[in-house]
Amino acid sequence: MTKYRRESALDKAKAEDLKTVYELQLDREISRAASTSWESRRRSDPSSGSTPTR
């Protein structure tokens, strides 16, 4: 019984780690898309003179 509990705890920890990695990758992809969008708007309207806030 203890073996299965330990394996269950390990599986749960692995799932949580994978979820964290997924969320970090998703945040990075969203940031990249937002940056690309900002760059394309800046290039299409150079008179705007706005700078991105970070």
PDB file of N, CA and C in Angstrom:
ATOM      1  N   MET A   1       0.825  -1.193   0.000  1.00  0.00           N
ATOM      2  CA  MET A   1       0.000   0.000   0.000  1.00  0.00           C
ATOM      3  C   MET A   1       0.871   1.260   0.000  1.00  0.00           C
ATOM      4  N   THR A   2       1.941   1.269   0.751  1.00  0.00           N
ATOM      5  CA  THR A   2       2.826   2.426   0.832  1.00  0.00           C
ATOM      6  C   THR A   2       3.471   2.705  -0.518  1.00  0.00           C
ATOM      7  N   LYS A   3       3.819   1.640  -1.216  1.00  0.00           N
ATOM      8  CA  LYS A   3       4.438   1.787  -2.532  1.00  0.00           C
ATOM      9  C   LYS A   3       3.516   2.559  -3.473  1.00  0.00           C
ATOM     10  N   TYR A   4       2.238   2.231  -3.462  1.00  0.00           N
ATOM     11  CA  TYR A   4       1.292   2.885  -4.355  1.00  0.00           C
ATOM     12  C   TYR A   4       1.070   4.341  -3.968  1.00  0.00           C
ATOM     13  N   ARG A   5       1.074   4.623  -2.674  1.00  0.00           N
ATOM     14  CA  ARG A   5       0.942   6.013  -2.226  1.00  0.00           C
ATOM     15  C   ARG A   5       2.141   6.832  -2.676  1.00  0.00           C
ATOM     16  N   ARG A   6       3.331   6.252  -2.553  1.00  0.00           N
ATOM     17  CA  ARG A   6       4.554   6.950  -2.969  1.00  0.00           C
ATOM     18  C   ARG A   6       4.519   7.203  -4.476  1.00  0.00           C
ATOM     19  N   GLU A   7       4.138   6.179  -5.239  1.00  0.00           N
ATOM     20  CA  GLU A   7       4.042   6.342  -6.687  1.00  0.00           C
ATOM     21  C   GLU A   7       2.984   7.388  -7.051  1.00  0.00           C
ATOM     22  N   SER A   8       1.890   7.400  -6.330  1.00  0.00           N
ATOM     23  CA  SER A   8       0.838   8.385  -6.577  1.00  0.00           C
ATOM     24  C   SER A   8       1.350   9.795  -6.288  1.00  0.00           C
ATOM     25  N   ALA A   9       2.104   9.948  -5.210  1.00  0.00           N
ATOM     26  CA  ALA A   9       2.661  11.253  -4.874  1.00  0.00           C
ATOM     27  C   ALA A   9       3.667  11.707  -5.934  1.00  0.00           C
ATOM     28  N   LEU A  10       4.473  10.775  -6.415  1.00  0.00           N
ATOM     29  CA  LEU A  10       5.435  11.107  -7.466  1.00  0.00           C
ATOM     30  C   LEU A  10       4.728  11.496  -8.757  1.00  0.00           C
ATOM     31  N   ASP A  11       3.679  10.763  -9.110  1.00  0.00           N
ATOM     32  CA  ASP A  11       2.911  11.083 -10.310  1.00  0.00           C
ATOM     33  C   ASP A  11       2.248  12.453 -10.192  1.00  0.00           C
ATOM     34  N   LYS A  12       1.741  12.758  -9.009  1.00  0.00           N
ATOM     35  CA  LYS A  12       1.111  14.055  -8.784  1.00  0.00           C
ATOM     36  C   LYS A  12       2.137  15.182  -8.914  1.00  0.00           C
ATOM     37  N   ALA A  13       3.320  14.988  -8.341  1.00  0.00           N
ATOM     38  CA  ALA A  13       4.380  15.999  -8.427  1.00  0.00           C
ATOM     39  C   ALA A  13       4.821  16.191  -9.873  1.00  0.00           C
ATOM     40  N   LYS A  14       4.922  15.094 -10.607  1.00  0.00           N
ATOM     41  CA  LYS A  14       5.320  15.188 -12.020  1.00  0.00           C
ATOM     42  C   LYS A  14       4.264  15.941 -12.821  1.00  0.00           C
ATOM     43  N   ALA A  15       3.005  15.674 -12.565  1.00  0.00           N
ATOM     44  CA  ALA A  15       1.924  16.368 -13.260  1.00  0.00           C
ATOM     45  C   ALA A  15       1.947  17.865 -12.943  1.00  0.00           C
ATOM     46  N   GLU A  16       2.201  18.204 -11.691  1.00  0.00           N
ATOM     47  CA  GLU A  16       2.284  19.613 -11.310  1.00  0.00           C
ATOM     48  C   GLU A  16       3.469  20.291 -11.997  1.00  0.00           C
ATOM     49  N   ASP A  17       4.594  19.597 -12.087  1.00  0.00           N
ATOM     50  CA  ASP A  17       5.768  20.144 -12.779  1.00  0.00           C
ATOM     51  C   ASP A  17       5.469  20.375 -14.263  1.00  0.00           C
ATOM     52  N   LEU A  18       4.823  19.414 -14.893  1.00  0.00           N
ATOM     53  CA  LEU A  18       4.484  19.553 -16.308  1.00  0.00           C
ATOM     54  C   LEU A  18       3.509  20.709 -16.528  1.00  0.00           C
ATOM     55  N   LYS A  19       2.567  20.880 -15.606  1.00  0.00           N
ATOM     56  CA  LYS A  19       1.622  21.988 -15.712  1.00  0.00           C
ATOM     57  C   LYS A  19       2.356  23.326 -15.586  1.00  0.00           C
ATOM     58  N   THR A  20       3.314  23.409 -14.672  1.00  0.00           N
ATOM     59  CA  THR A  20       4.097  24.634 -14.502  1.00  0.00           C
ATOM     60  C   THR A  20       4.894  24.949 -15.756  1.00  0.00           C
ATOM     61  N   VAL A  21       5.516  23.935 -16.330  1.00  0.00           N
ATOM     62  CA  VAL A  21       6.289  24.126 -17.562  1.00  0.00           C
ATOM     63  C   VAL A  21       5.365  24.607 -18.679  1.00  0.00           C
ATOM     64  N   TYR A  22       4.206  24.007 -18.800  1.00  0.00           N
ATOM     65  CA  TYR A  22       3.244  24.408 -19.826  1.00  0.00           C
ATOM     66  C   TYR A  22       2.847  25.871 -19.645  1.00  0.00           C
ATOM     67  N   GLU A  23       2.535  26.266 -18.399  1.00  0.00           N
ATOM     68  CA  GLU A  23       2.124  27.640 -18.139  1.00  0.00           C
ATOM     69  C   GLU A  23       3.241  28.631 -18.460  1.00  0.00           C
ATOM     70  N   LEU A  24       4.476  28.286 -18.137  1.00  0.00           N
ATOM     71  CA  LEU A  24       5.601  29.164 -18.444  1.00  0.00           C
ATOM     72  C   LEU A  24       5.797  29.300 -19.953  1.00  0.00           C
ATOM     73  N   GLN A  25       5.676  28.191 -20.671  1.00  0.00           N
ATOM     74  CA  GLN A  25       5.811  28.236 -22.120  1.00  0.00           C
ATOM     75  C   GLN A  25       4.680  29.051 -22.749  1.00  0.00           C
ATOM     76  N   LEU A  26       3.488  28.910 -22.214  1.00  0.00           N
ATOM     77  CA  LEU A  26       2.348  29.667 -22.723  1.00  0.00           C
ATOM     78  C   LEU A  26       2.556  31.161 -22.478  1.00  0.00           C
ATOM     79  N   ASP A  27       3.014  31.535 -21.284  1.00  0.00           N
ATOM     80  CA  ASP A  27       3.302  32.941 -20.993  1.00  0.00           C
ATOM     81  C   ASP A  27       4.358  33.493 -21.939  1.00  0.00           C
ATOM     82  N   ARG A  28       5.384  32.714 -22.195  1.00  0.00           N
ATOM     83  CA  ARG A  28       6.444  33.157 -23.100  1.00  0.00           C
ATOM     84  C   ARG A  28       5.905  33.349 -24.517  1.00  0.00           C
ATOM     85  N   GLU A  29       5.070  32.435 -24.968  1.00  0.00           N
ATOM     86  CA  GLU A  29       4.499  32.540 -26.304  1.00  0.00           C
ATOM     87  C   GLU A  29       3.578  33.753 -26.411  1.00  0.00           C
ATOM     88  N   ILE A  30       2.785  34.012 -25.395  1.00  0.00           N
ATOM     89  CA  ILE A  30       1.899  35.178 -25.393  1.00  0.00           C
ATOM     90  C   ILE A  30       2.723  36.459 -25.414  1.00  0.00           C
ATOM     91  N   SER A  31       3.787  36.511 -24.621  1.00  0.00           N
ATOM     92  CA  SER A  31       4.656  37.695 -24.604  1.00  0.00           C
ATOM     93  C   SER A  31       5.300  37.915 -25.959  1.00  0.00           C
ATOM     94  N   ARG A  32       5.737  36.834 -26.577  1.00  0.00           N
ATOM     95  CA  ARG A  32       6.362  36.936 -27.896  1.00  0.00           C
ATOM     96  C   ARG A  32       5.353  37.454 -28.920  1.00  0.00           C
ATOM     97  N   ALA A  33       4.143  36.962 -28.873  1.00  0.00           N
ATOM     98  CA  ALA A  33       3.108  37.408 -29.805  1.00  0.00           C
ATOM     99  C   ALA A  33       2.772  38.875 -29.575  1.00  0.00           C
ATOM    100  N   ALA A  34       2.689  39.290 -28.327  1.00  0.00           N
ATOM    101  CA  ALA A  34       2.395  40.688 -28.021  1.00  0.00           C
ATOM    102  C   ALA A  34       3.525  41.587 -28.498  1.00  0.00           C
ATOM    103  N   SER A  35       4.755  41.150 -28.312  1.00  0.00           N
ATOM    104  CA  SER A  35       5.910  41.922 -28.751  1.00  0.00           C
ATOM    105  C   SER A  35       5.920  42.048 -30.269  1.00  0.00           C
ATOM    106  N   THR A  36       5.637  40.976 -30.950  1.00  0.00           N
ATOM    107  CA  THR A  36       5.585  40.984 -32.412  1.00  0.00           C
ATOM    108  C   THR A  36       4.481  41.911 -32.893  1.00  0.00           C
ATOM    109  N   SER A  37       3.343  41.866 -32.226  1.00  0.00           N
ATOM    110  CA  SER A  37       2.228  42.733 -32.582  1.00  0.00           C
ATOM    111  C   SER A  37       2.613  44.192 -32.386  1.00  0.00           C
ATOM    112  N   TRP A  38       3.256  44.493 -31.278  1.00  0.00           N
ATOM    113  CA  TRP A  38       3.685  45.855 -31.006  1.00  0.00           C
ATOM    114  C   TRP A  38       4.677  46.332 -32.059  1.00  0.00           C
ATOM    115  N   GLU A  39       5.638  45.477 -32.400  1.00  0.00           N
ATOM    116  CA  GLU A  39       6.636  45.843 -33.408  1.00  0.00           C
ATOM    117  C   GLU A  39       5.977  46.133 -34.758  1.00  0.00           C
ATOM    118  N   SER A  40       5.022  45.327 -35.157  1.00  0.00           N
ATOM    119  CA  SER A  40       4.378  45.536 -36.455  1.00  0.00           C
ATOM    120  C   SER A  40       3.569  46.829 -36.455  1.00  0.00           C
ATOM    121  N   ARG A  41       2.922  47.153 -35.338  1.00  0.00           N
ATOM    122  CA  ARG A  41       2.188  48.421 -35.265  1.00  0.00           C
ATOM    123  C   ARG A  41       3.152  49.594 -35.303  1.00  0.00           C
ATOM    124  N   ARG A  42       4.272  49.478 -34.615  1.00  0.00           N
ATOM    125  CA  ARG A  42       5.257  50.551 -34.587  1.00  0.00           C
ATOM    126  C   ARG A  42       5.826  50.795 -35.979  1.00  0.00           C
ATOM    127  N   ARG A  43       6.098  49.729 -36.698  1.00  0.00           N
ATOM    128  CA  ARG A  43       6.655  49.873 -38.047  1.00  0.00           C
ATOM    129  C   ARG A  43       5.639  50.459 -39.012  1.00  0.00           C
ATOM    130  N   SER A  44       4.367  50.132 -38.838  1.00  0.00           N
ATOM    131  CA  SER A  44       3.353  50.642 -39.751  1.00  0.00           C
ATOM    132  C   SER A  44       2.996  52.095 -39.448  1.00  0.00           C
ATOM    133  N   ASP A  45       3.259  52.558 -38.214  1.00  0.00           N
ATOM    134  CA  ASP A  45       2.949  53.937 -37.831  1.00  0.00           C
ATOM    135  C   ASP A  45       4.117  54.516 -37.036  1.00  0.00           C
ATOM    136  N   PRO A  46       5.215  54.867 -37.715  1.00  0.00           N
ATOM    137  CA  PRO A  46       6.391  55.352 -36.987  1.00  0.00           C
ATOM    138  C   PRO A  46       6.171  56.706 -36.331  1.00  0.00           C
ATOM    139  N   SER A  47       5.136  57.431 -36.709  1.00  0.00           N
ATOM    140  CA  SER A  47       4.887  58.745 -36.116  1.00  0.00           C
ATOM    141  C   SER A  47       4.261  58.654 -34.735  1.00  0.00           C
ATOM    142  N   SER A  48       3.858  57.454 -34.328  1.00  0.00           N
ATOM    143  CA  SER A  48       3.194  57.316 -33.026  1.00  0.00           C
ATOM    144  C   SER A  48       4.147  57.654 -31.892  1.00  0.00           C
ATOM    145  N   GLY A  49       5.417  57.301 -32.033  1.00  0.00           N
ATOM    146  CA  GLY A  49       6.413  57.645 -31.033  1.00  0.00           C
ATOM    147  C   GLY A  49       6.212  56.990 -29.691  1.00  0.00           C
ATOM    148  N   SER A  50       5.332  56.042 -29.607  1.00  0.00           N
ATOM    149  CA  SER A  50       5.110  55.398 -28.321  1.00  0.00           C
ATOM    150  C   SER A  50       6.155  54.334 -28.070  1.00  0.00           C
ATOM    151  N   THR A  51       6.414  54.101 -26.817  1.00  0.00           N
ATOM    152  CA  THR A  51       7.360  53.059 -26.437  1.00  0.00           C
ATOM    153  C   THR A  51       6.629  52.023 -25.615  1.00  0.00           C
ATOM    154  N   PRO A  52       7.052  50.777 -25.689  1.00  0.00           N
ATOM    155  CA  PRO A  52       6.363  49.729 -24.930  1.00  0.00           C
ATOM    156  C   PRO A  52       6.653  49.864 -23.446  1.00  0.00           C
ATOM    157  N   THR A  53       5.681  49.499 -22.645  1.00  0.00           N
ATOM    158  CA  THR A  53       5.897  49.473 -21.199  1.00  0.00           C
ATOM    159  C   THR A  53       6.269  48.074 -20.802  1.00  0.00           C
ATOM    160  N   ARG A  54       7.269  47.949 -20.006  1.00  0.00           N
ATOM    161  CA  ARG A  54       7.711  46.624 -19.565  1.00  0.00           C
ATOM    162  C   ARG A  54       7.769  46.585 -18.082  1.00  0.00           C
TER     163      ARG A  54
END
